[in-house]
C-alpha atoms as a PDB file:
ATOM      1  CA  UNK A   1       0.332  27.441 -37.994  1.00  0.00           C
ATOM      2  CA  UNK A   2       1.333  30.491 -39.380  1.00  0.00           C
ATOM      3  CA  UNK A   3       4.476  30.412 -36.747  1.00  0.00           C
ATOM      4  CA  UNK A   4       5.615  27.207 -39.446  1.00  0.00           C
ATOM      5  CA  UNK A   5       5.769  29.315 -42.428  1.00  0.00           C
ATOM      6  CA  UNK A   6       2.748  27.057 -43.914  1.00  0.00           C
ATOM      7  CA  UNK A   7       0.902  28.606 -46.264  1.00  0.00           C
ATOM      8  CA  UNK A   8      -3.302  29.268 -46.007  1.00  0.00           C
ATOM      9  CA  UNK A   9      -5.484  26.470 -45.986  1.00  0.00           C
ATOM     10  CA  UNK A  10      -8.738  27.392 -47.676  1.00  0.00           C
ATOM     11  CA  UNK A  11     -12.372  26.686 -46.534  1.00  0.00           C
ATOM     12  CA  UNK A  12     -12.350  23.658 -48.866  1.00  0.00           C
ATOM     13  CA  UNK A  13      -9.159  22.070 -47.890  1.00  0.00           C
ATOM     14  CA  UNK A  14      -9.956  22.654 -43.660  1.00  0.00           C
ATOM     15  CA  UNK A  15     -13.316  21.776 -44.499  1.00  0.00           C
ATOM     16  CA  UNK A  16     -12.049  18.698 -46.316  1.00  0.00           C
ATOM     17  CA  UNK A  17      -9.564  17.538 -42.704  1.00  0.00           C
ATOM     18  CA  UNK A  18     -11.995  18.321 -40.501  1.00  0.00           C
ATOM     19  CA  UNK A  19     -14.523  15.564 -42.543  1.00  0.00           C
ATOM     20  CA  UNK A  20     -11.195  13.129 -42.873  1.00  0.00           C
ATOM     21  CA  UNK A  21     -10.755  13.253 -38.674  1.00  0.00           C
ATOM     22  CA  UNK A  22     -14.703  13.217 -38.293  1.00  0.00           C
ATOM     23  CA  UNK A  23     -14.923   9.739 -40.105  1.00  0.00           C
ATOM     24  CA  UNK A  24     -12.033   8.802 -38.412  1.00  0.00           C
ATOM     25  CA  UNK A  25     -12.854   9.585 -35.121  1.00  0.00           C
ATOM     26  CA  UNK A  26     -16.318   7.107 -35.808  1.00  0.00           C
ATOM     27  CA  UNK A  27     -14.004   4.604 -36.899  1.00  0.00           C
ATOM     28  CA  UNK A  28     -12.612   4.709 -33.737  1.00  0.00           C
ATOM     29  CA  UNK A  29     -15.145   4.960 -31.445  1.00  0.00           C
ATOM     30  CA  UNK A  30     -16.922   1.977 -33.681  1.00  0.00           C
ATOM     31  CA  UNK A  31     -14.022   0.175 -32.773  1.00  0.00           C
ATOM     32  CA  UNK A  32     -13.565   0.568 -29.457  1.00  0.00           C
ATOM     33  CA  UNK A  33     -17.524   0.322 -28.799  1.00  0.00           C
ATOM     34  CA  UNK A  34     -17.599  -2.839 -30.444  1.00  0.00           C
ATOM     35  CA  UNK A  35     -18.423  -6.233 -28.789  1.00  0.00           C
ATOM     36  CA  UNK A  36     -16.259  -8.388 -29.926  1.00  0.00           C
ATOM     37  CA  UNK A  37     -13.114  -8.272 -31.993  1.00  0.00           C
ATOM     38  CA  UNK A  38     -14.604  -9.144 -34.888  1.00  0.00           C
ATOM     39  CA  UNK A  39     -17.131  -7.400 -34.500  1.00  0.00           C
ATOM     40  CA  UNK A  40     -15.245  -4.278 -35.187  1.00  0.00           C
ATOM     41  CA  UNK A  41     -13.847  -2.725 -38.239  1.00  0.00           C
ATOM     42  CA  UNK A  42     -10.546  -3.144 -39.068  1.00  0.00           C
ATOM     43  CA  UNK A  43      -8.316   0.479 -38.427  1.00  0.00           C
ATOM     44  CA  UNK A  44      -7.847   2.359 -41.701  1.00  0.00           C
ATOM     45  CA  UNK A  45      -3.625   0.650 -42.298  1.00  0.00           C
ATOM     46  CA  UNK A  46      -5.155  -2.566 -42.589  1.00  0.00           C
ATOM     47  CA  UNK A  47      -7.993  -1.670 -44.735  1.00  0.00           C
ATOM     48  CA  UNK A  48      -5.830  -1.553 -47.755  1.00  0.00           C
ATOM     49  CA  UNK A  49      -3.518  -4.313 -49.411  1.00  0.00           C
ATOM     50  CA  UNK A  50      -0.734  -2.517 -47.514  1.00  0.00           C
ATOM     51  CA  UNK A  51       0.296  -0.185 -50.004  1.00  0.00           C
ATOM     52  CA  UNK A  52      -0.587   3.648 -50.255  1.00  0.00           C
ATOM     53  CA  UNK A  53       1.211   5.778 -53.689  1.00  0.00           C
ATOM     54  CA  UNK A  54       3.671   2.986 -54.122  1.00  0.00           C
ATOM     55  CA  UNK A  55       4.716   3.445 -50.759  1.00  0.00           C
ATOM     56  CA  UNK A  56       4.481   0.190 -48.066  1.00  0.00           C
ATOM     57  CA  UNK A  57       2.356   1.158 -44.818  1.00  0.00           C
ATOM     58  CA  UNK A  58       4.437  -1.154 -42.630  1.00  0.00           C
ATOM     59  CA  UNK A  59       7.490  -2.979 -42.827  1.00  0.00           C
ATOM     60  CA  UNK A  60       9.722  -4.674 -41.044  1.00  0.00           C
ATOM     61  CA  UNK A  61      12.815  -2.978 -39.163  1.00  0.00           C
ATOM     62  CA  UNK A  62      16.000  -2.686 -40.570  1.00  0.00           C
ATOM     63  CA  UNK A  63      18.774  -4.675 -39.038  1.00  0.00           C
ATOM     64  CA  UNK A  64      20.094  -0.693 -37.922  1.00  0.00           C
ATOM     65  CA  UNK A  65      23.541   0.453 -38.974  1.00  0.00           C
ATOM     66  CA  UNK A  66      26.658  -1.825 -39.554  1.00  0.00           C
ATOM     67  CA  UNK A  67      28.427  -0.895 -36.447  1.00  0.00           C
ATOM     68  CA  UNK A  68      25.206  -2.026 -34.074  1.00  0.00           C
ATOM     69  CA  UNK A  69      25.238  -5.007 -36.199  1.00  0.00           C
ATOM     70  CA  UNK A  70      29.268  -5.806 -35.388  1.00  0.00           C
ATOM     71  CA  UNK A  71      28.924  -5.032 -32.113  1.00  0.00           C
ATOM     72  CA  UNK A  72      26.042  -8.086 -31.577  1.00  0.00           C
ATOM     73  CA  UNK A  73      27.594  -9.932 -33.301  1.00  0.00           C
ATOM     74  CA  UNK A  74      30.778  -9.758 -31.236  1.00  0.00           C
ATOM     75  CA  UNK A  75      31.465 -12.104 -28.719  1.00  0.00           C
ATOM     76  CA  UNK A  76      32.412 -10.288 -24.935  1.00  0.00           C
ATOM     77  CA  UNK A  77      32.844  -6.873 -24.126  1.00  0.00           C
ATOM     78  CA  UNK A  78      33.095  -4.190 -26.657  1.00  0.00           C
ATOM     79  CA  UNK A  79      36.218  -2.340 -26.897  1.00  0.00           C
ATOM     80  CA  UNK A  80      35.675   1.665 -26.107  1.00  0.00           C
ATOM     81  CA  UNK A  81      32.967   2.859 -24.415  1.00  0.00           C
ATOM     82  CA  UNK A  82      29.953   2.247 -25.987  1.00  0.00           C
ATOM     83  CA  UNK A  83      26.755   2.657 -24.353  1.00  0.00           C
END
């Protein structure tokens, strides 16, 4: 991490990250080893109402840029070399 210019992490921060990673790995192992889908705990992204800190975790994709949408609406061969 030194090459990326990050500040040094405190021991408490490193311990908290390691605990979170261990918890996620244990949850993952429980989901993998479950006999049936209903026995498995839900993945972390499905445990909330879909918002964390006011930010949606899952949303539909946007329609794309205007020029891409115009190409999708047009009929026939597009003008120019669009790949």
